[in-house]
Amino acid sequence: MKKYRIKDVSDLLGISTYTLRYYEKIGLLKFVKRDENGVREFEPDDLMTLCTIIYLRKTGMPLKDIKDYLHLAEKGIDTIDQRKEMFLKQKQKVQEEMTTLEKSMEVIDRKLNFYGEASKKHSMNVCQDEREKWLKDILAGKEKVQ
């Protein structure tokens, strides 16, 4: 079975060697083995676990929670329900963030349209209907900024 060194893993996954070392230091990478010279050796399954760690981190999951997840995974099949629950909670958080980002993108698009029209007409007095509708939505409580 092919083994990968830390630099290989860094290049493959686009994560710094510093981050990989830090993850090992805090106990996230207990699965990584070392050769007779103390050089880290990652196996293919380790890469999949690392991808999971990286993506969970990108969703904003705290390192402590990721560590808890990995600890549960070490325990095997008996912790499936707990791990599933962790992922369901994280999925809900990600869905909420995606909704917020989509709404933010709508505002950016609205402003880009406004500035495009203002530039064409060389006037800030444009898109009045859209702006009035947006204001009505705000005043009606339809625009909760959270």
C-alpha atoms as a PDB file:
ATOM      1  CA  MET A   1       0.000   0.000   0.000  1.00  0.00           C
ATOM      2  CA  LYS A   2       1.339   3.397  -0.984  1.00  0.00           C
ATOM      3  CA  LYS A   3       2.315   5.740   1.824  1.00  0.00           C
ATOM      4  CA  TYR A   4       2.341   9.514   1.595  1.00  0.00           C
ATOM      5  CA  ARG A   5       4.615  11.954   3.361  1.00  0.00           C
ATOM      6  CA  ILE A   6       3.404  15.203   4.844  1.00  0.00           C
ATOM      7  CA  LYS A   7       4.510  17.256   1.807  1.00  0.00           C
ATOM      8  CA  ASP A   8       2.640  14.873  -0.527  1.00  0.00           C
ATOM      9  CA  VAL A   9      -0.503  15.218   1.569  1.00  0.00           C
ATOM     10  CA  SER A  10      -0.093  18.986   1.674  1.00  0.00           C
ATOM     11  CA  ASP A  11       0.150  19.134  -2.120  1.00  0.00           C
ATOM     12  CA  LEU A  12      -2.689  16.659  -2.716  1.00  0.00           C
ATOM     13  CA  LEU A  13      -5.180  18.283  -0.369  1.00  0.00           C
ATOM     14  CA  GLY A  14      -4.105  21.911  -0.544  1.00  0.00           C
ATOM     15  CA  ILE A  15      -3.492  22.182   3.188  1.00  0.00           C
ATOM     16  CA  SER A  16      -0.281  23.495   4.678  1.00  0.00           C
ATOM     17  CA  THR A  17       2.207  21.223   6.368  1.00  0.00           C
ATOM     18  CA  TYR A  18       1.984  23.603   9.328  1.00  0.00           C
ATOM     19  CA  THR A  19      -1.757  22.900   9.631  1.00  0.00           C
ATOM     20  CA  LEU A  20      -1.187  19.162   9.345  1.00  0.00           C
ATOM     21  CA  ARG A  21       1.417  19.296  12.107  1.00  0.00           C
ATOM     22  CA  TYR A  22      -0.905  21.396  14.248  1.00  0.00           C
ATOM     23  CA  TYR A  23      -3.765  18.943  13.738  1.00  0.00           C
ATOM     24  CA  GLU A  24      -1.462  16.151  14.827  1.00  0.00           C
ATOM     25  CA  LYS A  25      -0.285  18.138  17.845  1.00  0.00           C
ATOM     26  CA  ILE A  26      -3.854  18.684  19.103  1.00  0.00           C
ATOM     27  CA  GLY A  27      -4.752  15.032  18.626  1.00  0.00           C
ATOM     28  CA  LEU A  28      -6.789  15.102  15.420  1.00  0.00           C
ATOM     29  CA  LEU A  29      -4.368  12.896  13.517  1.00  0.00           C
ATOM     30  CA  LYS A  30      -3.726  10.135  16.022  1.00  0.00           C
ATOM     31  CA  PHE A  31      -4.030   7.678  13.133  1.00  0.00           C
ATOM     32  CA  VAL A  32      -0.885   8.918  11.378  1.00  0.00           C
ATOM     33  CA  LYS A  33       2.000   6.511  11.694  1.00  0.00           C
ATOM     34  CA  ARG A  34       5.703   7.218  11.523  1.00  0.00           C
ATOM     35  CA  ASP A  35       8.476   5.242   9.858  1.00  0.00           C
ATOM     36  CA  GLU A  36      11.677   4.118  11.576  1.00  0.00           C
ATOM     37  CA  ASN A  37      13.133   7.616  11.099  1.00  0.00           C
ATOM     38  CA  GLY A  38      10.127   9.359  12.624  1.00  0.00           C
ATOM     39  CA  VAL A  39       8.810  10.602   9.262  1.00  0.00           C
ATOM     40  CA  ARG A  40       5.014  10.796   9.108  1.00  0.00           C
ATOM     41  CA  GLU A  41       3.405   8.268   6.783  1.00  0.00           C
ATOM     42  CA  PHE A  42      -0.157   8.773   5.645  1.00  0.00           C
ATOM     43  CA  GLU A  43      -2.142   5.891   4.162  1.00  0.00           C
ATOM     44  CA  PRO A  44      -4.952   6.280   1.586  1.00  0.00           C
ATOM     45  CA  ASP A  45      -7.664   5.974   4.271  1.00  0.00           C
ATOM     46  CA  ASP A  46      -5.912   8.739   6.221  1.00  0.00           C
ATOM     47  CA  LEU A  47      -6.390  11.039   3.230  1.00  0.00           C
ATOM     48  CA  MET A  48     -10.142  10.452   3.279  1.00  0.00           C
ATOM     49  CA  THR A  49     -10.277  11.174   7.001  1.00  0.00           C
ATOM     50  CA  LEU A  50      -8.241  14.332   6.438  1.00  0.00           C
ATOM     51  CA  CYS A  51     -10.637  15.454   3.705  1.00  0.00           C
ATOM     52  CA  THR A  52     -13.510  14.995   6.140  1.00  0.00           C
ATOM     53  CA  ILE A  53     -11.662  17.045   8.755  1.00  0.00           C
ATOM     54  CA  ILE A  54     -10.883  19.800   6.253  1.00  0.00           C
ATOM     55  CA  TYR A  55     -14.446  20.022   4.955  1.00  0.00           C
ATOM     56  CA  LEU A  56     -15.938  19.991   8.447  1.00  0.00           C
ATOM     57  CA  ARG A  57     -13.564  22.798   9.360  1.00  0.00           C
ATOM     58  CA  LYS A  58     -14.644  24.754   6.273  1.00  0.00           C
ATOM     59  CA  THR A  59     -18.229  24.488   7.505  1.00  0.00           C
ATOM     60  CA  GLY A  60     -17.170  26.207  10.703  1.00  0.00           C
ATOM     61  CA  MET A  61     -17.197  23.127  12.907  1.00  0.00           C
ATOM     62  CA  PRO A  62     -14.910  23.774  15.881  1.00  0.00           C
ATOM     63  CA  LEU A  63     -11.789  21.615  16.136  1.00  0.00           C
ATOM     64  CA  LYS A  64     -13.023  20.309  19.495  1.00  0.00           C
ATOM     65  CA  ASP A  65     -16.185  18.945  17.833  1.00  0.00           C
ATOM     66  CA  ILE A  66     -14.147  17.411  15.025  1.00  0.00           C
ATOM     67  CA  LYS A  67     -11.955  15.764  17.635  1.00  0.00           C
ATOM     68  CA  ASP A  68     -15.073  14.433  19.377  1.00  0.00           C
ATOM     69  CA  TYR A  69     -16.302  13.069  16.051  1.00  0.00           C
ATOM     70  CA  LEU A  70     -13.000  11.288  15.413  1.00  0.00           C
ATOM     71  CA  HIS A  71     -13.065   9.856  18.923  1.00  0.00           C
ATOM     72  CA  LEU A  72     -16.551   8.471  18.263  1.00  0.00           C
ATOM     73  CA  ALA A  73     -15.397   7.075  14.916  1.00  0.00           C
ATOM     74  CA  GLU A  74     -12.598   5.197  16.702  1.00  0.00           C
ATOM     75  CA  LYS A  75     -15.238   3.436  18.801  1.00  0.00           C
ATOM     76  CA  GLY A  76     -16.825   1.888  15.714  1.00  0.00           C
ATOM     77  CA  ILE A  77     -20.369   0.965  14.787  1.00  0.00           C
ATOM     78  CA  ASP A  78     -21.836   1.595  18.240  1.00  0.00           C
ATOM     79  CA  THR A  79     -21.427   5.372  17.786  1.00  0.00           C
ATOM     80  CA  ILE A  80     -23.079   5.640  14.374  1.00  0.00           C
ATOM     81  CA  ASP A  81     -26.183   7.375  15.742  1.00  0.00           C
ATOM     82  CA  GLN A  82     -24.116   9.952  17.639  1.00  0.00           C
ATOM     83  CA  ARG A  83     -22.009  10.701  14.558  1.00  0.00           C
ATOM     84  CA  LYS A  84     -25.088  10.946  12.380  1.00  0.00           C
ATOM     85  CA  GLU A  85     -26.606  13.431  14.841  1.00  0.00           C
ATOM     86  CA  MET A  86     -23.422  15.528  14.726  1.00  0.00           C
ATOM     87  CA  PHE A  87     -23.599  15.655  10.945  1.00  0.00           C
ATOM     88  CA  LEU A  88     -27.304  16.511  10.948  1.00  0.00           C
ATOM     89  CA  LYS A  89     -26.648  19.451  13.285  1.00  0.00           C
ATOM     90  CA  GLN A  90     -23.748  20.638  11.158  1.00  0.00           C
ATOM     91  CA  LYS A  91     -25.832  20.272   8.002  1.00  0.00           C
ATOM     92  CA  GLN A  92     -28.501  22.508   9.544  1.00  0.00           C
ATOM     93  CA  LYS A  93     -25.872  25.149  10.376  1.00  0.00           C
ATOM     94  CA  VAL A  94     -24.490  25.001   6.833  1.00  0.00           C
ATOM     95  CA  GLN A  95     -27.991  25.308   5.345  1.00  0.00           C
ATOM     96  CA  GLU A  96     -28.621  28.402   7.462  1.00  0.00           C
ATOM     97  CA  GLU A  97     -25.317  29.912   6.338  1.00  0.00           C
ATOM     98  CA  MET A  98     -26.136  29.131   2.708  1.00  0.00           C
ATOM     99  CA  THR A  99     -29.503  30.898   3.060  1.00  0.00           C
ATOM    100  CA  THR A 100     -27.748  33.933   4.513  1.00  0.00           C
ATOM    101  CA  LEU A 101     -25.150  33.894   1.726  1.00  0.00           C
ATOM    102  CA  GLU A 102     -27.856  33.604  -0.945  1.00  0.00           C
ATOM    103  CA  LYS A 103     -29.671  36.601   0.535  1.00  0.00           C
ATOM    104  CA  SER A 104     -26.386  38.506   0.690  1.00  0.00           C
ATOM    105  CA  MET A 105     -25.780  37.676  -2.971  1.00  0.00           C
ATOM    106  CA  GLU A 106     -29.215  39.072  -3.839  1.00  0.00           C
ATOM    107  CA  VAL A 107     -28.281  42.355  -2.149  1.00  0.00           C
ATOM    108  CA  ILE A 108     -24.952  42.455  -3.999  1.00  0.00           C
ATOM    109  CA  ASP A 109     -26.707  41.776  -7.312  1.00  0.00           C
ATOM    110  CA  ARG A 110     -29.276  44.465  -6.514  1.00  0.00           C
ATOM    111  CA  LYS A 111     -26.511  46.978  -5.805  1.00  0.00           C
ATOM    112  CA  LEU A 112     -24.564  45.979  -8.944  1.00  0.00           C
ATOM    113  CA  ASN A 113     -27.713  46.496 -11.015  1.00  0.00           C
ATOM    114  CA  PHE A 114     -28.237  49.859  -9.363  1.00  0.00           C
ATOM    115  CA  TYR A 115     -24.673  50.978 -10.020  1.00  0.00           C
ATOM    116  CA  GLY A 116     -24.814  49.703 -13.588  1.00  0.00           C
ATOM    117  CA  GLU A 117     -27.956  51.709 -14.280  1.00  0.00           C
ATOM    118  CA  ALA A 118     -26.576  54.753 -12.478  1.00  0.00           C
ATOM    119  CA  SER A 119     -23.427  54.563 -14.576  1.00  0.00           C
ATOM    120  CA  LYS A 120     -25.371  54.233 -17.850  1.00  0.00           C
ATOM    121  CA  LYS A 121     -27.647  57.150 -17.050  1.00  0.00           C
ATOM    122  CA  HIS A 122     -25.002  59.091 -15.161  1.00  0.00           C
ATOM    123  CA  SER A 123     -27.519  59.611 -12.375  1.00  0.00           C
ATOM    124  CA  MET A 124     -28.147  58.169  -8.936  1.00  0.00           C
ATOM    125  CA  ASN A 125     -31.867  58.559  -9.539  1.00  0.00           C
ATOM    126  CA  VAL A 126     -32.422  55.074 -11.002  1.00  0.00           C
ATOM    127  CA  CYS A 127     -34.165  51.797 -10.120  1.00  0.00           C
ATOM    128  CA  GLN A 128     -36.722  53.660  -8.017  1.00  0.00           C
ATOM    129  CA  ASP A 129     -39.389  50.918  -8.263  1.00  0.00           C
ATOM    130  CA  GLU A 130     -36.962  48.261  -7.051  1.00  0.00           C
ATOM    131  CA  ARG A 131     -35.687  50.459  -4.256  1.00  0.00           C
ATOM    132  CA  GLU A 132     -39.234  51.291  -3.100  1.00  0.00           C
ATOM    133  CA  LYS A 133     -40.201  47.607  -3.117  1.00  0.00           C
ATOM    134  CA  TRP A 134     -37.122  46.758  -1.072  1.00  0.00           C
ATOM    135  CA  LEU A 135     -37.935  49.508   1.439  1.00  0.00           C
ATOM    136  CA  LYS A 136     -41.524  48.224   1.748  1.00  0.00           C
ATOM    137  CA  ASP A 137     -40.157  44.726   2.438  1.00  0.00           C
ATOM    138  CA  ILE A 138     -37.839  46.124   5.089  1.00  0.00           C
ATOM    139  CA  LEU A 139     -40.636  48.112   6.754  1.00  0.00           C
ATOM    140  CA  ALA A 140     -42.966  45.078   6.599  1.00  0.00           C
ATOM    141  CA  GLY A 141     -40.425  43.018   8.485  1.00  0.00           C
ATOM    142  CA  LYS A 142     -39.601  40.785   5.519  1.00  0.00           C
ATOM    143  CA  GLU A 143     -35.915  41.722   5.600  1.00  0.00           C
ATOM    144  CA  LYS A 144     -34.490  40.384   8.828  1.00  0.00           C
ATOM    145  CA  VAL A 145     -30.743  40.918   8.752  1.00  0.00           C
ATOM    146  CA  GLN A 146     -29.130  38.426  11.078  1.00  0.00           C
END
